PDB file of all heavy atoms in Angstrom:
ATOM      1  N   ARG A   1      95.219  90.201 113.498  1.00  0.00           N
ATOM      2  CA  ARG A   1      94.114  90.528 114.398  1.00  0.00           C
ATOM      3  C   ARG A   1      94.472  91.083 115.612  1.00  0.00           C
ATOM      4  O   ARG A   1      95.340  90.555 116.304  1.00  0.00           O
ATOM      5  CB  ARG A   1      93.109  89.374 114.585  1.00  0.00           C
ATOM      6  CG  ARG A   1      92.406  88.967 113.304  1.00  0.00           C
ATOM      7  CD  ARG A   1      91.325  87.965 113.669  1.00  0.00           C
ATOM      8  NE  ARG A   1      90.912  87.232 112.450  1.00  0.00           N
ATOM      9  CZ  ARG A   1      90.677  85.985 112.412  1.00  0.00           C
ATOM     10  NH1 ARG A   1      90.826  85.298 113.486  1.00  0.00           N
ATOM     11  NH2 ARG A   1      90.429  85.424 111.231  1.00  0.00           N
ATOM     12  N   ALA A   2      93.841  92.358 115.964  1.00  0.00           N
ATOM     13  CA  ALA A   2      94.253  93.004 117.292  1.00  0.00           C
ATOM     14  C   ALA A   2      93.355  92.505 118.296  1.00  0.00           C
ATOM     15  O   ALA A   2      92.111  92.211 118.100  1.00  0.00           O
ATOM     16  CB  ALA A   2      94.111  94.472 116.966  1.00  0.00           C
ATOM     17  N   SER A   3      93.886  92.469 119.489  1.00  0.00           N
ATOM     18  CA  SER A   3      93.084  92.297 120.687  1.00  0.00           C
ATOM     19  C   SER A   3      92.592  93.661 121.109  1.00  0.00           C
ATOM     20  O   SER A   3      92.952  94.775 120.591  1.00  0.00           O
ATOM     21  CB  SER A   3      93.909  91.682 121.833  1.00  0.00           C
ATOM     22  OG  SER A   3      94.954  92.560 122.220  1.00  0.00           O
ATOM     23  N   GLY A   4      91.592  93.699 122.017  1.00  0.00           N
ATOM     24  CA  GLY A   4      91.171  94.983 122.532  1.00  0.00           C
ATOM     25  C   GLY A   4      89.772  95.391 121.830  1.00  0.00           C
ATOM     26  O   GLY A   4      89.103  94.571 121.266  1.00  0.00           O
ATOM     27  N   PRO A   5      89.446  96.717 121.889  1.00  0.00           N
ATOM     28  CA  PRO A   5      88.219  97.167 121.447  1.00  0.00           C
ATOM     29  C   PRO A   5      88.118  97.049 119.923  1.00  0.00           C
ATOM     30  O   PRO A   5      89.054  97.120 119.251  1.00  0.00           O
ATOM     31  CB  PRO A   5      88.208  98.635 121.953  1.00  0.00           C
ATOM     32  CG  PRO A   5      89.567  99.110 121.968  1.00  0.00           C
ATOM     33  CD  PRO A   5      90.382  97.757 122.424  1.00  0.00           C
ATOM     34  N   GLY A   6      86.776  96.941 119.457  1.00  0.00           N
ATOM     35  CA  GLY A   6      86.619  96.906 118.050  1.00  0.00           C
ATOM     36  C   GLY A   6      85.223  96.288 117.720  1.00  0.00           C
ATOM     37  O   GLY A   6      84.777  96.214 116.669  1.00  0.00           O
ATOM     38  N   GLY A   7      84.541  95.775 118.802  1.00  0.00           N
ATOM     39  CA  GLY A   7      83.139  95.374 118.616  1.00  0.00           C
ATOM     40  C   GLY A   7      83.123  94.116 117.787  1.00  0.00           C
ATOM     41  O   GLY A   7      84.069  93.218 117.936  1.00  0.00           O
ATOM     42  N   GLN A   8      82.201  93.906 116.935  1.00  0.00           N
ATOM     43  CA  GLN A   8      81.992  92.660 116.185  1.00  0.00           C
ATOM     44  C   GLN A   8      83.114  92.563 115.092  1.00  0.00           C
ATOM     45  O   GLN A   8      83.355  91.686 114.577  1.00  0.00           O
ATOM     46  CB  GLN A   8      80.591  92.670 115.514  1.00  0.00           C
ATOM     47  CG  GLN A   8      79.549  92.586 116.532  1.00  0.00           C
ATOM     48  CD  GLN A   8      78.127  92.775 115.917  1.00  0.00           C
ATOM     49  OE1 GLN A   8      77.997  93.134 114.796  1.00  0.00           O
ATOM     50  NE2 GLN A   8      77.089  92.441 116.710  1.00  0.00           N
ATOM     51  N   ASN A   9      83.625  93.699 114.779  1.00  0.00           N
ATOM     52  CA  ASN A   9      84.664  93.752 113.846  1.00  0.00           C
ATOM     53  C   ASN A   9      85.959  93.151 114.196  1.00  0.00           C
ATOM     54  O   ASN A   9      86.797  92.744 113.367  1.00  0.00           O
ATOM     55  CB  ASN A   9      85.010  95.341 113.435  1.00  0.00           C
ATOM     56  CG  ASN A   9      85.226  95.626 112.056  1.00  0.00           C
ATOM     57  OD1 ASN A   9      84.757  94.830 111.185  1.00  0.00           O
ATOM     58  ND2 ASN A   9      85.829  96.739 111.704  1.00  0.00           N
ATOM     59  N   VAL A  10      86.229  93.027 115.479  1.00  0.00           N
ATOM     60  CA  VAL A  10      87.588  92.696 116.072  1.00  0.00           C
ATOM     61  C   VAL A  10      87.992  91.287 115.548  1.00  0.00           C
ATOM     62  O   VAL A  10      89.158  90.906 115.314  1.00  0.00           O
ATOM     63  CB  VAL A  10      87.634  92.838 117.555  1.00  0.00           C
ATOM     64  CG1 VAL A  10      86.898  91.814 118.166  1.00  0.00           C
ATOM     65  CG2 VAL A  10      88.963  92.699 118.031  1.00  0.00           C
ATOM     66  N   ASN A  11      86.883  90.420 115.288  1.00  0.00           N
ATOM     67  CA  ASN A  11      87.333  88.962 114.979  1.00  0.00           C
ATOM     68  C   ASN A  11      87.251  88.714 113.475  1.00  0.00           C
ATOM     69  O   ASN A  11      87.599  87.669 112.966  1.00  0.00           O
ATOM     70  CB  ASN A  11      86.241  88.070 115.563  1.00  0.00           C
ATOM     71  CG  ASN A  11      86.312  87.917 117.087  1.00  0.00           C
ATOM     72  OD1 ASN A  11      87.450  88.018 117.681  1.00  0.00           O
ATOM     73  ND2 ASN A  11      85.182  87.894 117.739  1.00  0.00           N
ATOM     74  N   LYS A  12      86.939  89.852 112.669  1.00  0.00           N
ATOM     75  CA  LYS A  12      87.023  89.674 111.184  1.00  0.00           C
ATOM     76  C   LYS A  12      88.056  90.427 110.518  1.00  0.00           C
ATOM     77  O   LYS A  12      88.554  89.949 109.429  1.00  0.00           O
ATOM     78  CB  LYS A  12      85.679  90.245 110.658  1.00  0.00           C
ATOM     79  CG  LYS A  12      84.423  89.439 111.248  1.00  0.00           C
ATOM     80  CD  LYS A  12      83.206  89.951 110.533  1.00  0.00           C
ATOM     81  CE  LYS A  12      82.759  91.267 111.212  1.00  0.00           C
ATOM     82  NZ  LYS A  12      81.556  91.776 110.774  1.00  0.00           N
ATOM     83  N   VAL A  13      88.592  91.560 110.987  1.00  0.00           N
ATOM     84  CA  VAL A  13      89.458  92.375 110.311  1.00  0.00           C
ATOM     85  C   VAL A  13      90.853  92.441 111.018  1.00  0.00           C
ATOM     86  O   VAL A  13      90.965  92.636 112.146  1.00  0.00           O
ATOM     87  CB  VAL A  13      88.956  93.847 110.246  1.00  0.00           C
ATOM     88  CG1 VAL A  13      89.856  94.735 109.465  1.00  0.00           C
ATOM     89  CG2 VAL A  13      87.487  93.800 109.643  1.00  0.00           C
ATOM     90  N   ALA A  14      91.943  92.279 110.200  1.00  0.00           N
ATOM     91  CA  ALA A  14      93.237  92.359 110.723  1.00  0.00           C
ATOM     92  C   ALA A  14      93.730  93.875 110.838  1.00  0.00           C
ATOM     93  O   ALA A  14      94.227  94.329 109.703  1.00  0.00           O
ATOM     94  CB  ALA A  14      94.113  91.443 109.779  1.00  0.00           C
ATOM     95  N   THR A  15      93.509  94.418 111.864  1.00  0.00           N
ATOM     96  CA  THR A  15      93.877  95.899 111.927  1.00  0.00           C
ATOM     97  C   THR A  15      95.262  96.078 112.539  1.00  0.00           C
ATOM     98  O   THR A  15      95.813  97.165 112.334  1.00  0.00           O
ATOM     99  CB  THR A  15      92.857  96.710 112.762  1.00  0.00           C
ATOM    100  OG1 THR A  15      92.770  96.091 113.979  1.00  0.00           O
ATOM    101  CG2 THR A  15      91.554  96.673 111.993  1.00  0.00           C
ATOM    102  N   ALA A  16      95.846  95.132 113.360  1.00  0.00           N
ATOM    103  CA  ALA A  16      97.021  95.317 113.998  1.00  0.00           C
ATOM    104  C   ALA A  16      98.163  95.174 113.001  1.00  0.00           C
ATOM    105  O   ALA A  16      98.078  94.410 112.027  1.00  0.00           O
ATOM    106  CB  ALA A  16      97.210  94.360 115.171  1.00  0.00           C
ATOM    107  N   VAL A  17      99.221  95.914 113.136  1.00  0.00           N
ATOM    108  CA  VAL A  17     100.377  95.907 112.187  1.00  0.00           C
ATOM    109  C   VAL A  17     101.643  95.381 112.906  1.00  0.00           C
ATOM    110  O   VAL A  17     101.922  95.763 114.051  1.00  0.00           O
ATOM    111  CB  VAL A  17     100.714  97.281 111.617  1.00  0.00           C
ATOM    112  CG1 VAL A  17     101.853  97.297 110.681  1.00  0.00           C
ATOM    113  CG2 VAL A  17      99.512  97.855 110.894  1.00  0.00           C
ATOM    114  N   GLN A  18     102.349  94.528 112.287  1.00  0.00           N
ATOM    115  CA  GLN A  18     103.661  94.016 112.723  1.00  0.00           C
ATOM    116  C   GLN A  18     104.588  94.469 111.763  1.00  0.00           C
ATOM    117  O   GLN A  18     104.628  94.063 110.614  1.00  0.00           O
ATOM    118  CB  GLN A  18     103.538  92.474 112.991  1.00  0.00           C
ATOM    119  CG  GLN A  18     104.592  92.159 113.970  1.00  0.00           C
ATOM    120  CD  GLN A  18     104.485  90.557 114.215  1.00  0.00           C
ATOM    121  OE1 GLN A  18     104.450  89.775 113.298  1.00  0.00           O
ATOM    122  NE2 GLN A  18     104.341  90.267 115.544  1.00  0.00           N
ATOM    123  N   LEU A  19     105.447  95.530 112.136  1.00  0.00           N
ATOM    124  CA  LEU A  19     106.449  96.022 111.180  1.00  0.00           C
ATOM    125  C   LEU A  19     107.794  95.409 111.494  1.00  0.00           C
ATOM    126  O   LEU A  19     108.234  95.247 112.629  1.00  0.00           O
ATOM    127  CB  LEU A  19     106.535  97.534 111.479  1.00  0.00           C
ATOM    128  CG  LEU A  19     107.309  98.397 110.516  1.00  0.00           C
ATOM    129  CD1 LEU A  19     106.497  99.611 110.090  1.00  0.00           C
ATOM    130  CD2 LEU A  19     108.636  98.767 111.199  1.00  0.00           C
ATOM    131  N   ARG A  20     108.465  94.942 110.436  1.00  0.00           N
ATOM    132  CA  ARG A  20     109.836  94.393 110.532  1.00  0.00           C
ATOM    133  C   ARG A  20     110.817  95.140 109.847  1.00  0.00           C
ATOM    134  O   ARG A  20     110.626  95.426 108.656  1.00  0.00           O
ATOM    135  CB  ARG A  20     109.769  92.901 110.048  1.00  0.00           C
ATOM    136  CG  ARG A  20     108.825  92.049 110.855  1.00  0.00           C
ATOM    137  CD  ARG A  20     108.604  90.711 110.249  1.00  0.00           C
ATOM    138  NE  ARG A  20     109.109  89.516 110.681  1.00  0.00           N
ATOM    139  CZ  ARG A  20     109.407  89.158 111.946  1.00  0.00           C
ATOM    140  NH1 ARG A  20     109.259  89.874 112.813  1.00  0.00           N
ATOM    141  NH2 ARG A  20     109.898  87.959 112.125  1.00  0.00           N
ATOM    142  N   PHE A  21     112.050  95.469 110.486  1.00  0.00           N
ATOM    143  CA  PHE A  21     113.095  96.261 109.768  1.00  0.00           C
ATOM    144  C   PHE A  21     114.395  95.488 110.134  1.00  0.00           C
ATOM    145  O   PHE A  21     114.698  95.284 111.285  1.00  0.00           O
ATOM    146  CB  PHE A  21     113.143  97.606 110.366  1.00  0.00           C
ATOM    147  CG  PHE A  21     114.227  98.509 109.824  1.00  0.00           C
ATOM    148  CD1 PHE A  21     114.382  98.747 108.486  1.00  0.00           C
ATOM    149  CD2 PHE A  21     115.189  98.784 110.753  1.00  0.00           C
ATOM    150  CE1 PHE A  21     115.407  99.567 108.143  1.00  0.00           C
ATOM    151  CE2 PHE A  21     116.379  99.609 110.321  1.00  0.00           C
ATOM    152  CZ  PHE A  21     116.416  99.878 108.988  1.00  0.00           C
ATOM    153  N   ASP A  22     115.036  95.022 109.132  1.00  0.00           N
ATOM    154  CA  ASP A  22     116.492  94.351 109.317  1.00  0.00           C
ATOM    155  C   ASP A  22     117.525  95.387 109.537  1.00  0.00           C
ATOM    156  O   ASP A  22     118.064  95.908 108.668  1.00  0.00           O
ATOM    157  CB  ASP A  22     116.727  93.503 108.093  1.00  0.00           C
ATOM    158  CG  ASP A  22     117.900  92.538 108.418  1.00  0.00           C
ATOM    159  OD1 ASP A  22     118.456  92.560 109.462  1.00  0.00           O
ATOM    160  OD2 ASP A  22     117.969  91.614 107.550  1.00  0.00           O
ATOM    161  N   ALA A  23     117.785  95.644 110.885  1.00  0.00           N
ATOM    162  CA  ALA A  23     118.757  96.669 111.199  1.00  0.00           C
ATOM    163  C   ALA A  23     120.080  96.123 110.986  1.00  0.00           C
ATOM    164  O   ALA A  23     121.041  97.071 110.557  1.00  0.00           O
ATOM    165  CB  ALA A  23     118.607  96.938 112.794  1.00  0.00           C
ATOM    166  N   ARG A  24     120.316  94.868 111.067  1.00  0.00           N
ATOM    167  CA  ARG A  24     121.772  94.323 110.895  1.00  0.00           C
ATOM    168  C   ARG A  24     122.190  94.464 109.353  1.00  0.00           C
ATOM    169  O   ARG A  24     123.385  94.686 109.117  1.00  0.00           O
ATOM    170  CB  ARG A  24     121.804  93.012 111.324  1.00  0.00           C
ATOM    171  CG  ARG A  24     123.223  92.439 111.617  1.00  0.00           C
ATOM    172  CD  ARG A  24     123.265  91.162 112.288  1.00  0.00           C
ATOM    173  NE  ARG A  24     122.812  91.297 113.673  1.00  0.00           N
ATOM    174  CZ  ARG A  24     122.481  90.220 114.513  1.00  0.00           C
ATOM    175  NH1 ARG A  24     122.508  89.055 114.036  1.00  0.00           N
ATOM    176  NH2 ARG A  24     122.048  90.460 115.757  1.00  0.00           N
ATOM    177  N   ARG A  25     121.284  94.335 108.404  1.00  0.00           N
ATOM    178  CA  ARG A  25     121.703  94.251 107.041  1.00  0.00           C
ATOM    179  C   ARG A  25     121.214  95.526 106.276  1.00  0.00           C
ATOM    180  O   ARG A  25     121.318  95.552 105.082  1.00  0.00           O
ATOM    181  CB  ARG A  25     121.122  93.076 106.444  1.00  0.00           C
ATOM    182  CG  ARG A  25     121.747  91.775 106.964  1.00  0.00           C
ATOM    183  CD  ARG A  25     121.149  90.574 106.189  1.00  0.00           C
ATOM    184  NE  ARG A  25     121.429  89.366 106.832  1.00  0.00           N
ATOM    185  CZ  ARG A  25     120.886  88.835 107.929  1.00  0.00           C
ATOM    186  NH1 ARG A  25     119.783  89.290 108.321  1.00  0.00           N
ATOM    187  NH2 ARG A  25     121.257  87.674 108.477  1.00  0.00           N
ATOM    188  N   SER A  26     120.724  96.599 106.858  1.00  0.00           N
ATOM    189  CA  SER A  26     120.166  97.751 106.268  1.00  0.00           C
ATOM    190  C   SER A  26     121.384  98.547 105.702  1.00  0.00           C
ATOM    191  O   SER A  26     122.329  99.044 106.424  1.00  0.00           O
ATOM    192  CB  SER A  26     119.537  98.539 107.244  1.00  0.00           C
ATOM    193  OG  SER A  26     119.093  99.826 106.685  1.00  0.00           O
ATOM    194  N   PRO A  27     121.496  98.792 104.383  1.00  0.00           N
ATOM    195  CA  PRO A  27     122.472  99.615 103.809  1.00  0.00           C
ATOM    196  C   PRO A  27     122.340 101.133 104.085  1.00  0.00           C
ATOM    197  O   PRO A  27     123.172 101.919 103.900  1.00  0.00           O
ATOM    198  CB  PRO A  27     122.294  99.483 102.340  1.00  0.00           C
ATOM    199  CG  PRO A  27     120.908  98.965 102.065  1.00  0.00           C
ATOM    200  CD  PRO A  27     120.516  98.343 103.313  1.00  0.00           C
ATOM    201  N   SER A  28     121.055 101.573 104.662  1.00  0.00           N
ATOM    202  CA  SER A  28     120.776 103.002 104.874  1.00  0.00           C
ATOM    203  C   SER A  28     121.523 103.510 106.076  1.00  0.00           C
ATOM    204  O   SER A  28     121.618 104.660 106.275  1.00  0.00           O
ATOM    205  CB  SER A  28     119.329 103.138 104.981  1.00  0.00           C
ATOM    206  OG  SER A  28     118.648 102.543 103.904  1.00  0.00           O
ATOM    207  N   LEU A  29     121.923 102.530 107.112  1.00  0.00           N
ATOM    208  CA  LEU A  29     122.391 102.967 108.273  1.00  0.00           C
ATOM    209  C   LEU A  29     123.951 102.944 108.417  1.00  0.00           C
ATOM    210  O   LEU A  29     124.482 101.867 108.173  1.00  0.00           O
ATOM    211  CB  LEU A  29     121.829 102.147 109.549  1.00  0.00           C
ATOM    212  CG  LEU A  29     120.336 102.161 109.550  1.00  0.00           C
ATOM    213  CD1 LEU A  29     119.938 101.018 110.674  1.00  0.00           C
ATOM    214  CD2 LEU A  29     119.844 103.405 109.906  1.00  0.00           C
TER     215      LEU A  29
END
């Protein structure tokens, strides 16, 4: 759930994204 604007929707919908990328073990880099 994101903080900030969103009206009544803000407490019901999970709009914020937390992206995780394992840089130490990535075979692409």
